[in-house]
């Protein structure tokens, strides 16, 4: 595997009158913060953070998904970004980022 961690940030924007979208909930700003802060954090393994089209969970957004684990996150603030970088990318401490996780129980999907 080339990247040890790979985070996709939904940037989808729906048209007027359509359901809510991540792009209209600040996902572009979250992506920009994630990228710049992760680079400055001095992470010592290959990782990538990139934009994604619709991940079909916009009602929970702005939404991000991280692989290889397939963990879904909801980052809304700069503080959320800081927590994800420190506790997911750097320390891998699930107890510190569990409040940012979005589970299937919230969507009714399995």
N, C-alpha and C. Protein backbone atom coordinates (compact mmCIF):
# COMPACT_ATOMS: atom_id res chain seq x y z
N UNK A 1 0.85 -1.17 0.00
CA UNK A 1 0.00 0.00 0.00
C UNK A 1 0.90 1.24 0.00
N UNK A 2 0.62 2.16 -0.89
CA UNK A 2 1.47 3.34 -1.01
C UNK A 2 1.27 4.31 0.15
N UNK A 3 0.02 4.60 0.50
CA UNK A 3 -0.26 5.52 1.61
C UNK A 3 -0.68 4.72 2.83
N UNK A 4 -0.16 5.08 3.98
CA UNK A 4 -0.61 4.44 5.21
C UNK A 4 -1.98 4.98 5.63
N UNK A 5 -2.23 6.24 5.35
CA UNK A 5 -3.53 6.86 5.61
C UNK A 5 -3.91 7.70 4.40
N UNK A 6 -5.17 7.62 4.02
CA UNK A 6 -5.66 8.35 2.84
C UNK A 6 -7.03 8.91 3.21
N UNK A 7 -7.14 10.24 3.27
CA UNK A 7 -8.37 10.90 3.69
C UNK A 7 -9.01 11.61 2.49
N UNK A 8 -10.28 11.31 2.28
CA UNK A 8 -11.06 11.96 1.23
C UNK A 8 -12.05 12.92 1.88
N UNK A 9 -12.09 14.14 1.39
CA UNK A 9 -12.99 15.17 1.91
C UNK A 9 -14.03 15.47 0.83
N UNK A 10 -15.30 15.23 1.14
CA UNK A 10 -16.37 15.48 0.19
C UNK A 10 -16.50 16.99 -0.05
N UNK A 11 -16.48 17.37 -1.31
CA UNK A 11 -16.67 18.78 -1.69
C UNK A 11 -17.89 18.98 -2.57
N UNK A 12 -18.74 17.98 -2.63
CA UNK A 12 -19.90 18.05 -3.52
C UNK A 12 -20.78 19.25 -3.20
N UNK A 13 -21.25 19.92 -4.25
CA UNK A 13 -22.20 21.02 -4.10
C UNK A 13 -23.42 20.73 -4.96
N UNK A 14 -24.56 20.66 -4.30
CA UNK A 14 -25.81 20.42 -5.01
C UNK A 14 -26.42 21.77 -5.41
N UNK A 15 -27.33 21.71 -6.35
CA UNK A 15 -27.98 22.92 -6.82
C UNK A 15 -29.04 23.42 -5.85
N UNK A 16 -29.53 24.63 -6.12
CA UNK A 16 -30.59 25.23 -5.30
C UNK A 16 -31.81 24.32 -5.29
N UNK A 17 -32.40 24.19 -4.11
CA UNK A 17 -33.60 23.38 -3.96
C UNK A 17 -33.32 21.90 -3.75
N UNK A 18 -32.08 21.48 -3.91
CA UNK A 18 -31.72 20.09 -3.66
C UNK A 18 -31.34 19.92 -2.20
N UNK A 19 -31.16 18.67 -1.79
CA UNK A 19 -30.80 18.43 -0.39
C UNK A 19 -29.43 19.03 -0.07
N UNK A 20 -29.14 19.13 1.20
CA UNK A 20 -27.91 19.74 1.69
C UNK A 20 -26.68 19.03 1.09
N UNK A 21 -25.59 19.76 0.96
CA UNK A 21 -24.35 19.17 0.45
C UNK A 21 -23.16 19.60 1.30
N UNK A 22 -22.12 18.78 1.28
CA UNK A 22 -20.92 19.08 2.07
C UNK A 22 -20.26 20.38 1.62
N UNK A 23 -20.26 20.61 0.31
CA UNK A 23 -19.64 21.83 -0.21
C UNK A 23 -20.25 23.09 0.34
N UNK A 24 -21.53 23.05 0.66
CA UNK A 24 -22.20 24.22 1.23
C UNK A 24 -22.14 24.24 2.75
N UNK A 25 -21.42 23.28 3.33
CA UNK A 25 -21.26 23.22 4.78
C UNK A 25 -19.81 23.47 5.20
N UNK A 26 -19.01 24.01 4.30
CA UNK A 26 -17.65 24.40 4.65
C UNK A 26 -16.57 23.38 4.36
N UNK A 27 -16.85 22.38 3.54
CA UNK A 27 -15.86 21.33 3.31
C UNK A 27 -14.60 21.83 2.59
N UNK A 28 -14.73 22.85 1.75
CA UNK A 28 -13.54 23.36 1.06
C UNK A 28 -12.55 23.98 2.04
N UNK A 29 -13.08 24.67 3.04
CA UNK A 29 -12.22 25.26 4.06
C UNK A 29 -11.59 24.17 4.92
N UNK A 30 -12.37 23.13 5.23
CA UNK A 30 -11.85 22.01 6.01
C UNK A 30 -10.72 21.32 5.25
N UNK A 31 -10.90 21.09 3.97
CA UNK A 31 -9.85 20.46 3.16
C UNK A 31 -8.58 21.29 3.17
N UNK A 32 -8.72 22.57 2.98
CA UNK A 32 -7.55 23.47 2.97
C UNK A 32 -6.81 23.42 4.31
N UNK A 33 -7.56 23.48 5.41
CA UNK A 33 -6.95 23.39 6.74
C UNK A 33 -6.27 22.05 6.96
N UNK A 34 -6.94 20.97 6.61
CA UNK A 34 -6.37 19.63 6.79
C UNK A 34 -5.05 19.50 6.07
N UNK A 35 -5.03 19.91 4.82
CA UNK A 35 -3.80 19.79 4.02
C UNK A 35 -2.66 20.63 4.60
N UNK A 36 -2.94 21.88 4.88
CA UNK A 36 -1.85 22.75 5.35
C UNK A 36 -1.35 22.35 6.74
N UNK A 37 -2.26 22.01 7.62
CA UNK A 37 -1.84 21.65 8.98
C UNK A 37 -1.16 20.28 9.03
N UNK A 38 -1.59 19.34 8.19
CA UNK A 38 -0.96 18.02 8.17
C UNK A 38 0.48 18.12 7.68
N UNK A 39 0.72 18.95 6.68
CA UNK A 39 2.08 19.14 6.18
C UNK A 39 2.97 19.72 7.28
N UNK A 40 2.46 20.68 8.01
CA UNK A 40 3.23 21.33 9.08
C UNK A 40 3.40 20.43 10.30
N UNK A 41 2.59 19.38 10.42
CA UNK A 41 2.62 18.52 11.60
C UNK A 41 3.80 17.56 11.61
N UNK A 42 4.49 17.43 10.50
CA UNK A 42 5.66 16.56 10.46
C UNK A 42 5.32 15.08 10.60
N UNK A 43 4.31 14.63 9.90
CA UNK A 43 3.91 13.22 9.94
C UNK A 43 4.96 12.40 9.19
N UNK A 44 5.40 11.31 9.81
CA UNK A 44 6.54 10.55 9.29
C UNK A 44 6.17 9.29 8.54
N UNK A 45 5.10 9.31 7.80
CA UNK A 45 4.73 8.17 6.96
C UNK A 45 3.97 8.73 5.76
N UNK A 46 3.89 7.95 4.68
CA UNK A 46 3.18 8.45 3.50
C UNK A 46 1.67 8.54 3.75
N UNK A 47 1.12 9.72 3.51
CA UNK A 47 -0.32 9.94 3.65
C UNK A 47 -0.77 10.87 2.54
N UNK A 48 -2.07 10.89 2.33
CA UNK A 48 -2.63 11.81 1.33
C UNK A 48 -3.98 12.29 1.82
N UNK A 49 -4.23 13.57 1.58
CA UNK A 49 -5.52 14.18 1.87
C UNK A 49 -5.98 14.82 0.57
N UNK A 50 -7.18 14.46 0.13
CA UNK A 50 -7.64 14.99 -1.15
C UNK A 50 -9.14 15.17 -1.17
N UNK A 51 -9.60 15.95 -2.13
CA UNK A 51 -11.03 16.18 -2.28
C UNK A 51 -11.67 14.98 -2.95
N UNK A 52 -12.95 14.86 -2.71
CA UNK A 52 -13.74 13.80 -3.34
C UNK A 52 -15.04 14.40 -3.82
N UNK A 53 -15.64 13.72 -4.77
CA UNK A 53 -17.00 14.08 -5.17
C UNK A 53 -17.95 13.58 -4.09
N UNK A 54 -19.18 13.46 -4.43
CA UNK A 54 -20.20 13.09 -3.45
C UNK A 54 -19.93 11.73 -2.83
N UNK A 55 -19.96 11.69 -1.51
CA UNK A 55 -19.80 10.44 -0.77
C UNK A 55 -21.15 9.94 -0.25
N UNK A 56 -22.24 10.61 -0.63
CA UNK A 56 -23.62 10.24 -0.30
C UNK A 56 -23.93 10.21 1.19
N UNK A 57 -23.27 11.05 1.96
CA UNK A 57 -23.57 11.17 3.39
C UNK A 57 -23.60 12.65 3.78
N UNK A 58 -24.00 13.48 2.85
CA UNK A 58 -23.94 14.93 3.02
C UNK A 58 -24.77 15.43 4.22
N UNK A 59 -25.84 14.72 4.54
CA UNK A 59 -26.67 15.16 5.67
C UNK A 59 -25.89 15.13 6.98
N UNK A 60 -24.80 14.37 7.01
CA UNK A 60 -23.97 14.26 8.21
C UNK A 60 -22.75 15.17 8.14
N UNK A 61 -22.62 15.94 7.11
CA UNK A 61 -21.40 16.65 6.79
C UNK A 61 -21.16 17.96 7.47
N UNK A 62 -20.03 18.53 7.05
CA UNK A 62 -19.19 18.03 5.98
C UNK A 62 -18.52 16.71 6.39
N UNK A 63 -18.42 15.80 5.44
CA UNK A 63 -18.02 14.43 5.74
C UNK A 63 -16.67 14.10 5.12
N UNK A 64 -15.91 13.27 5.80
CA UNK A 64 -14.63 12.78 5.32
C UNK A 64 -14.58 11.28 5.58
N UNK A 65 -13.84 10.56 4.76
CA UNK A 65 -13.63 9.13 4.98
C UNK A 65 -12.14 8.86 4.87
N UNK A 66 -11.65 8.02 5.79
CA UNK A 66 -10.21 7.72 5.85
C UNK A 66 -9.98 6.23 5.64
N UNK A 67 -9.00 5.93 4.83
CA UNK A 67 -8.63 4.55 4.56
C UNK A 67 -7.18 4.34 4.97
N UNK A 68 -6.80 3.14 5.38
CA UNK A 68 -7.43 1.88 5.01
C UNK A 68 -8.57 1.42 5.93
N UNK A 69 -8.80 2.07 7.05
CA UNK A 69 -9.79 1.59 8.01
C UNK A 69 -11.24 1.79 7.56
N UNK A 70 -11.48 2.75 6.69
CA UNK A 70 -12.85 3.06 6.30
C UNK A 70 -13.59 3.81 7.39
N UNK A 71 -12.89 4.67 8.12
CA UNK A 71 -13.51 5.46 9.18
C UNK A 71 -14.10 6.73 8.59
N UNK A 72 -15.33 7.03 9.02
CA UNK A 72 -16.03 8.23 8.56
C UNK A 72 -15.97 9.28 9.65
N UNK A 73 -15.61 10.51 9.26
CA UNK A 73 -15.47 11.62 10.19
C UNK A 73 -16.37 12.78 9.77
N UNK A 74 -16.73 13.57 10.76
CA UNK A 74 -17.42 14.84 10.53
C UNK A 74 -16.56 15.91 11.17
N UNK A 75 -15.88 16.69 10.33
CA UNK A 75 -15.05 17.79 10.80
C UNK A 75 -15.75 19.08 10.42
N UNK A 76 -16.00 19.92 11.41
CA UNK A 76 -16.72 21.18 11.15
C UNK A 76 -15.91 22.42 11.51
N UNK A 77 -14.90 22.26 12.35
CA UNK A 77 -14.17 23.42 12.84
C UNK A 77 -12.66 23.19 12.71
N UNK A 78 -11.92 24.26 12.89
CA UNK A 78 -10.46 24.15 12.90
C UNK A 78 -10.01 23.28 14.07
N UNK A 79 -10.69 23.36 15.18
CA UNK A 79 -10.35 22.50 16.32
C UNK A 79 -10.55 21.03 15.97
N UNK A 80 -11.61 20.70 15.23
CA UNK A 80 -11.82 19.32 14.79
C UNK A 80 -10.65 18.85 13.92
N UNK A 81 -10.18 19.71 13.04
CA UNK A 81 -9.04 19.40 12.18
C UNK A 81 -7.81 19.12 13.04
N UNK A 82 -7.57 19.96 14.03
CA UNK A 82 -6.41 19.77 14.92
C UNK A 82 -6.48 18.44 15.65
N UNK A 83 -7.67 18.08 16.12
CA UNK A 83 -7.85 16.81 16.83
C UNK A 83 -7.58 15.64 15.89
N UNK A 84 -8.10 15.69 14.67
CA UNK A 84 -7.90 14.61 13.72
C UNK A 84 -6.41 14.43 13.40
N UNK A 85 -5.73 15.51 13.18
CA UNK A 85 -4.30 15.42 12.85
C UNK A 85 -3.52 14.85 14.03
N UNK A 86 -3.76 15.37 15.21
CA UNK A 86 -3.01 14.92 16.38
C UNK A 86 -3.36 13.49 16.80
N UNK A 87 -4.64 13.15 16.77
CA UNK A 87 -5.04 11.87 17.36
C UNK A 87 -5.30 10.75 16.34
N UNK A 88 -5.49 11.08 15.08
CA UNK A 88 -5.67 10.04 14.06
C UNK A 88 -4.39 9.88 13.23
N UNK A 89 -3.89 10.97 12.69
CA UNK A 89 -2.70 10.87 11.84
C UNK A 89 -1.41 10.68 12.63
N UNK A 90 -1.27 11.37 13.73
CA UNK A 90 0.00 11.30 14.46
C UNK A 90 0.03 10.22 15.54
N UNK A 91 -0.95 10.21 16.43
CA UNK A 91 -0.89 9.32 17.59
C UNK A 91 -1.74 8.06 17.46
N UNK A 92 -2.67 8.03 16.52
CA UNK A 92 -3.62 6.93 16.37
C UNK A 92 -4.26 6.56 17.71
N UNK A 93 -4.90 7.55 18.30
CA UNK A 93 -5.58 7.41 19.60
C UNK A 93 -7.09 7.55 19.39
N UNK A 94 -7.80 6.43 19.15
CA UNK A 94 -9.24 6.49 18.86
C UNK A 94 -10.07 7.14 19.96
N UNK A 95 -9.64 7.08 21.19
CA UNK A 95 -10.42 7.70 22.26
C UNK A 95 -10.44 9.21 22.12
N UNK A 96 -9.40 9.79 21.53
CA UNK A 96 -9.33 11.24 21.39
C UNK A 96 -10.14 11.77 20.20
N UNK A 97 -10.41 10.91 19.22
CA UNK A 97 -11.17 11.39 18.05
C UNK A 97 -12.54 10.73 17.91
N UNK A 98 -12.95 9.92 18.85
CA UNK A 98 -14.22 9.18 18.69
C UNK A 98 -15.43 10.11 18.53
N UNK A 99 -15.37 11.33 19.11
CA UNK A 99 -16.48 12.27 18.96
C UNK A 99 -16.61 12.81 17.53
N UNK A 100 -15.59 12.59 16.70
CA UNK A 100 -15.62 13.04 15.31
C UNK A 100 -16.10 11.95 14.35
N UNK A 101 -16.23 10.72 14.85
CA UNK A 101 -16.63 9.60 14.01
C UNK A 101 -18.12 9.65 13.69
N UNK A 102 -18.44 9.23 12.49
CA UNK A 102 -19.83 9.12 12.07
C UNK A 102 -20.06 7.65 11.77
N UNK A 103 -20.95 7.02 12.53
CA UNK A 103 -21.21 5.60 12.34
C UNK A 103 -22.43 5.34 11.49
N UNK A 104 -22.55 4.11 11.05
CA UNK A 104 -23.70 3.71 10.24
C UNK A 104 -25.01 3.83 11.00
N UNK A 105 -24.94 3.78 12.32
CA UNK A 105 -26.18 3.90 13.10
C UNK A 105 -26.84 5.27 12.89
N UNK A 106 -26.07 6.27 12.48
CA UNK A 106 -26.63 7.59 12.25
C UNK A 106 -27.35 7.70 10.91
N UNK A 107 -27.04 6.78 9.99
CA UNK A 107 -27.64 6.84 8.67
C UNK A 107 -28.68 5.77 8.43
N UNK A 108 -28.67 4.74 9.26
CA UNK A 108 -29.56 3.62 9.05
C UNK A 108 -29.04 2.63 8.02
N UNK A 109 -27.81 2.86 7.53
CA UNK A 109 -27.19 1.95 6.55
C UNK A 109 -26.34 0.93 7.29
N UNK A 110 -26.16 -0.19 6.66
CA UNK A 110 -25.28 -1.23 7.23
C UNK A 110 -24.10 -1.44 6.34
